[in-house]
Amino acid sequence: MKKALIVWGGWDGHEPEQVAGIFKNILQGHQFDVEVADTLEAYSDAEKLMELDLIVPVWTMGEIPQAYVNNVSAAVQNGTGLAGCHGGMCDSFRHNVDWQFMTGGQWVAHPGNDGVEYTVEIKQSSSPLVAGMEDFKVVSEQYYLHVDPAVEVLATTRFPVADGPHRLNKAVDMPVVWTKRWGVGRVYYNSLGHHADIVALPQVTELMTRGLLWAAEGKRLAIEMYGGQPLQQQNHYTGMGDSQ
């Protein structure tokens, strides 16, 4: 049985407890052993994280000890999957660039705030994560992110829709869903999910289900490839060490 850890908290406006509950139900429905924690201390046990198949962060803003980021990073580098959505993963710790490097992006704006109607455009590719899915509209926050150029983009949205200082720039297709690798671990992100009702939309639930399962499957493949031997991991890309 695969093991998953969901860690929720931070800004209450994103309804982290309710979103964590949705993810828990999805994973239990696929026979995962799921632990849910409401404290960042869940990241303190490096050996325990190494044994997981999947980590699901649902934590917006706040601050995190650098040692906890190092523990999560080491686990993912060795095959533990990392998957999440909206501000719960890519607006988690604004002062920690190591977290942003690992996750693949950072929220910077949502022009028009909540209530913007926009289209999520599925990139038809060879990825099974979006196979058979069609473009869909959503009314929510439209996330503008600074994104790692190394990610594989699976869905986008066109900016600008709402007015703002960005409007006189050329139109851009902002990533909504992406994957990347961190060591041998799989990382999945979906910018949808301002509230639990958005996560519960059929299209978003389907995207998240596929992403969660895909990220968790990386652990098995890593074990098959490397025989379960821990890989050498790197931390402290910022040069700030544990004082951050």
Foldseek 3Di string as FASTA:
>chain_A
DAEEEEEADADCQLVGVLQSVLVVVLVVVVVYHYHYYDDLCVLVDLVVLLRHLEYEFQAAEDADFQNSLVSNLLSQLLFRFYEYEARRQQRHYVVDVSSCVVQFKHFDDFAPAFFFKWKKQFDDDPDPLCPPHGIDIDGTTDTDIDGHPQKDAGIWTKDDDHDDPCRPPDIDTGGQWTWHGRNLFIHIYGNFRSYSVRCVDPVNVSSRSSRRVVRSVSNVVSCVVPVSDRDDDDDDPVVPPRPD
